[in-house]
N, C-alpha and C. Protein backbone atom coordinates (compact mmCIF):
# COMPACT_ATOMS: atom_id res chain seq x y z
N UNK A 1 77.72 20.19 -76.78
CA UNK A 1 76.88 19.91 -78.38
C UNK A 1 75.83 19.21 -77.90
N UNK A 2 75.30 18.50 -76.88
CA UNK A 2 74.20 17.64 -76.71
C UNK A 2 73.72 16.71 -77.49
N UNK A 3 72.81 16.23 -77.56
CA UNK A 3 72.25 15.17 -78.14
C UNK A 3 71.79 15.42 -79.46
N UNK A 4 72.20 14.51 -80.17
CA UNK A 4 71.84 14.67 -82.10
C UNK A 4 71.56 14.06 -82.53
N UNK A 5 70.62 13.63 -83.49
CA UNK A 5 70.48 12.21 -84.06
C UNK A 5 71.16 12.03 -85.32
N UNK A 6 71.48 10.92 -85.35
CA UNK A 6 72.64 10.22 -86.72
C UNK A 6 72.01 10.97 -87.89
N UNK A 7 70.87 10.96 -87.79
CA UNK A 7 70.39 11.73 -89.18
C UNK A 7 70.58 13.38 -89.55
N UNK A 8 71.06 13.82 -88.09
CA UNK A 8 71.32 15.52 -88.50
C UNK A 8 73.00 15.39 -88.43
N UNK A 9 73.85 14.28 -88.08
CA UNK A 9 75.27 14.16 -88.38
C UNK A 9 75.95 14.17 -89.79
N UNK A 10 74.60 12.98 -90.63
CA UNK A 10 75.43 12.40 -92.12
C UNK A 10 75.76 13.92 -92.98
N UNK A 11 75.28 15.06 -92.80
CA UNK A 11 75.33 15.88 -93.74
C UNK A 11 76.47 16.73 -93.50
N UNK A 12 77.28 16.38 -92.35
CA UNK A 12 78.58 17.39 -92.11
C UNK A 12 79.73 17.01 -92.56
N UNK A 13 80.45 18.13 -93.63
CA UNK A 13 81.66 18.21 -93.68
C UNK A 13 82.68 18.42 -93.23
N UNK A 14 83.83 16.95 -93.39
CA UNK A 14 85.10 16.53 -92.07
C UNK A 14 86.35 17.55 -93.07
N UNK A 15 86.64 18.14 -92.04
CA UNK A 15 87.88 19.29 -92.44
C UNK A 15 89.32 18.67 -90.98
N UNK A 16 90.11 18.85 -91.61
CA UNK A 16 91.22 18.80 -90.72
C UNK A 16 92.19 19.86 -90.94
N UNK A 17 92.18 20.73 -89.53
CA UNK A 17 93.03 21.84 -89.72
C UNK A 17 94.10 21.74 -89.90
N UNK A 18 94.96 20.44 -89.39
CA UNK A 18 95.88 20.16 -89.43
C UNK A 18 96.66 20.24 -90.80
N UNK A 19 96.20 19.79 -91.82
CA UNK A 19 96.71 19.61 -93.34
C UNK A 19 95.48 20.75 -93.99
N UNK A 20 94.65 21.00 -94.06
CA UNK A 20 93.66 22.05 -94.43
C UNK A 20 92.70 20.60 -95.42
N UNK A 21 93.11 19.85 -95.63
CA UNK A 21 92.32 18.50 -96.02
C UNK A 21 90.76 18.78 -95.78
N UNK A 22 89.92 18.14 -96.86
CA UNK A 22 88.42 17.92 -96.66
C UNK A 22 88.10 16.47 -96.97
N UNK A 23 87.66 15.62 -96.38
CA UNK A 23 87.79 14.41 -96.49
C UNK A 23 86.11 13.94 -96.54
N UNK A 24 85.26 14.93 -97.40
CA UNK A 24 84.05 14.17 -97.78
C UNK A 24 83.27 14.50 -96.41
N UNK A 25 81.98 13.42 -96.77
CA UNK A 25 80.40 14.06 -95.79
C UNK A 25 80.80 12.67 -94.25
N UNK A 26 80.42 13.22 -93.54
CA UNK A 26 80.45 12.24 -92.20
C UNK A 26 79.48 10.94 -92.72
N UNK A 27 78.67 10.85 -93.57
CA UNK A 27 77.63 10.10 -93.81
C UNK A 27 78.37 9.27 -94.88
N UNK A 28 79.46 9.22 -95.15
CA UNK A 28 80.27 8.60 -96.04
C UNK A 28 81.60 7.99 -95.66
N UNK A 29 81.62 8.29 -94.55
CA UNK A 29 82.89 7.69 -93.78
C UNK A 29 82.15 6.34 -92.87
N UNK A 30 83.22 5.85 -91.98
CA UNK A 30 82.80 4.88 -91.42
C UNK A 30 83.04 5.15 -89.61
N UNK A 31 81.90 5.28 -88.82
CA UNK A 31 82.27 5.58 -87.54
C UNK A 31 82.36 4.54 -86.42
N UNK A 32 83.40 4.79 -85.56
CA UNK A 32 83.63 3.75 -84.48
C UNK A 32 82.88 3.87 -83.20
N UNK A 33 82.27 3.15 -83.09
CA UNK A 33 81.29 3.46 -81.85
C UNK A 33 81.88 2.50 -80.11
N UNK A 34 81.42 2.97 -79.08
CA UNK A 34 82.14 2.43 -78.09
C UNK A 34 80.91 1.33 -77.83
N UNK A 35 80.85 -0.34 -77.60
CA UNK A 35 79.72 -0.83 -78.13
C UNK A 35 79.20 -1.16 -76.49
N UNK A 36 79.49 -0.60 -75.56
CA UNK A 36 78.84 -0.54 -74.27
C UNK A 36 77.81 1.00 -74.03
N UNK A 37 78.52 2.23 -74.19
CA UNK A 37 77.69 3.38 -74.13
C UNK A 37 77.21 3.97 -75.50
N UNK A 38 77.79 3.57 -76.70
CA UNK A 38 77.37 3.76 -77.71
C UNK A 38 77.34 4.99 -77.97
N UNK A 39 78.69 5.98 -77.21
CA UNK A 39 79.55 6.49 -77.76
C UNK A 39 80.48 6.88 -78.70
N UNK A 40 80.37 7.84 -79.76
CA UNK A 40 81.29 8.06 -81.20
C UNK A 40 82.78 7.84 -80.46
N UNK A 41 83.76 6.94 -81.23
CA UNK A 41 84.75 7.24 -80.27
C UNK A 41 85.78 7.64 -81.64
N UNK A 42 85.49 7.28 -82.83
CA UNK A 42 86.39 7.93 -84.06
C UNK A 42 85.62 7.63 -85.40
N UNK A 43 86.51 8.63 -86.56
CA UNK A 43 85.47 7.92 -87.44
C UNK A 43 86.75 7.34 -88.54
N UNK A 44 86.31 6.61 -89.47
CA UNK A 44 87.59 6.21 -90.74
C UNK A 44 87.07 7.24 -91.83
N UNK A 45 87.84 7.80 -92.15
CA UNK A 45 87.80 8.70 -93.45
C UNK A 45 88.82 7.99 -94.61
N UNK A 46 88.37 8.17 -96.11
CA UNK A 46 89.44 7.84 -96.99
C UNK A 46 89.77 9.04 -98.09
N UNK A 47 90.90 8.80 -98.53
CA UNK A 47 91.75 10.04 -99.48
C UNK A 47 91.86 9.15 -100.82
N UNK A 48 91.16 9.81 -102.10
CA UNK A 48 91.81 9.10 -102.70
C UNK A 48 93.00 9.61 -103.43
N UNK A 49 94.04 8.63 -103.92
CA UNK A 49 95.47 9.15 -104.14
C UNK A 49 95.35 8.49 -105.80
N UNK A 50 96.41 9.54 -106.48
CA UNK A 50 96.23 9.09 -108.09
C UNK A 50 95.80 10.56 -108.61
N UNK A 51 95.95 9.95 -110.12
CA UNK A 51 95.27 10.95 -110.98
C UNK A 51 94.36 10.39 -111.96
N UNK A 52 93.26 11.68 -113.27
CA UNK A 52 93.06 10.88 -113.89
C UNK A 52 93.48 9.45 -114.87
N UNK A 53 94.94 9.34 -114.82
CA UNK A 53 95.46 8.84 -116.20
C UNK A 53 95.95 7.58 -115.11
N UNK A 54 96.08 7.75 -113.97
CA UNK A 54 96.62 6.50 -113.33
C UNK A 54 95.85 5.86 -112.21
N UNK A 55 96.06 4.79 -111.96
CA UNK A 55 95.30 3.89 -111.17
C UNK A 55 95.07 4.92 -109.60
N UNK A 56 93.53 4.72 -109.45
CA UNK A 56 93.50 5.64 -108.01
C UNK A 56 93.57 4.48 -107.06
N UNK A 57 93.97 5.15 -106.05
CA UNK A 57 94.00 4.27 -104.90
C UNK A 57 93.62 5.10 -103.09
N UNK A 58 92.40 4.26 -102.55
CA UNK A 58 92.23 4.68 -101.27
C UNK A 58 92.94 4.70 -100.45
N UNK A 59 93.06 5.83 -99.64
CA UNK A 59 93.78 6.06 -98.42
C UNK A 59 92.93 5.91 -97.16
N UNK A 60 92.87 5.24 -96.35
CA UNK A 60 92.11 5.28 -95.09
C UNK A 60 92.46 5.72 -94.25
N UNK A 61 92.26 6.95 -93.22
CA UNK A 61 92.67 7.16 -91.94
C UNK A 61 91.70 7.37 -90.43
N UNK A 62 92.03 6.98 -89.51
CA UNK A 62 91.42 7.00 -88.25
C UNK A 62 91.52 7.97 -87.85
N UNK A 63 90.51 8.91 -87.18
CA UNK A 63 90.61 10.14 -86.63
C UNK A 63 89.85 9.73 -85.34
N UNK A 64 90.50 9.94 -84.32
CA UNK A 64 89.32 10.18 -82.74
C UNK A 64 88.74 11.04 -82.74
N UNK A 65 87.47 10.50 -82.22
CA UNK A 65 86.49 11.61 -81.83
C UNK A 65 86.84 12.87 -81.43
N UNK A 66 87.79 12.64 -80.15
CA UNK A 66 88.44 13.62 -79.36
C UNK A 66 89.39 14.63 -79.90
N UNK A 67 89.62 14.45 -80.99
CA UNK A 67 90.36 15.31 -81.63
C UNK A 67 89.24 16.49 -82.24
N UNK A 68 88.17 16.25 -82.26
CA UNK A 68 86.89 16.91 -83.03
C UNK A 68 87.08 18.54 -82.00
N UNK A 69 87.38 19.71 -82.87
CA UNK A 69 87.63 20.47 -82.13
C UNK A 69 86.18 21.62 -82.34
N UNK A 70 85.54 21.61 -83.32
CA UNK A 70 84.34 22.45 -83.45
C UNK A 70 83.55 21.66 -84.72
N UNK A 71 82.03 21.83 -84.43
CA UNK A 71 81.21 21.49 -85.05
C UNK A 71 80.12 22.64 -84.94
N UNK A 72 79.70 22.77 -86.52
CA UNK A 72 78.80 23.92 -87.05
C UNK A 72 77.68 22.87 -87.31
N UNK A 73 76.51 23.75 -88.03
CA UNK A 73 75.57 23.39 -88.58
C UNK A 73 75.70 22.37 -90.08
N UNK A 74 77.44 22.73 -90.52
CA UNK A 74 77.50 22.33 -92.15
C UNK A 74 79.32 21.30 -91.70
N UNK A 75 79.73 21.77 -90.89
CA UNK A 75 81.10 21.04 -90.77
C UNK A 75 81.55 20.44 -89.28
N UNK A 76 82.56 19.49 -89.04
CA UNK A 76 83.23 18.90 -88.12
C UNK A 76 84.89 19.76 -88.66
N UNK A 77 85.26 20.27 -87.43
CA UNK A 77 86.80 20.73 -87.91
C UNK A 77 87.19 19.78 -86.78
N UNK A 78 88.24 19.04 -87.26
CA UNK A 78 89.29 18.41 -86.52
C UNK A 78 90.77 18.75 -86.49
N UNK A 79 91.64 18.27 -85.18
CA UNK A 79 92.76 19.32 -85.36
C UNK A 79 93.33 17.49 -84.80
N UNK A 80 94.11 16.89 -86.29
CA UNK A 80 94.78 15.91 -85.97
C UNK A 80 95.53 15.35 -86.87
N UNK A 81 96.77 15.43 -86.54
CA UNK A 81 98.05 14.98 -87.41
C UNK A 81 98.11 13.65 -87.79
N UNK A 82 97.99 13.31 -89.31
CA UNK A 82 97.60 12.10 -89.91
C UNK A 82 99.03 11.64 -90.30
């Protein structure tokens, strides 16, 4: 993948091929970095559960960056069983 600016990553849509779910955009998630190297170690994404008429609850998932299998100009595709 080479070097990228963080500003180039924030608009990437996150998709998990294990369940076909879309988890929004990288800029809306939290990123986990290695404090010594600055390397991205993972992302924390949230998924809203509930319906329009009930209370909505956010569930969060930590997805390791190593489970990333593909990146294009618009998407990040992960293969990770939640």
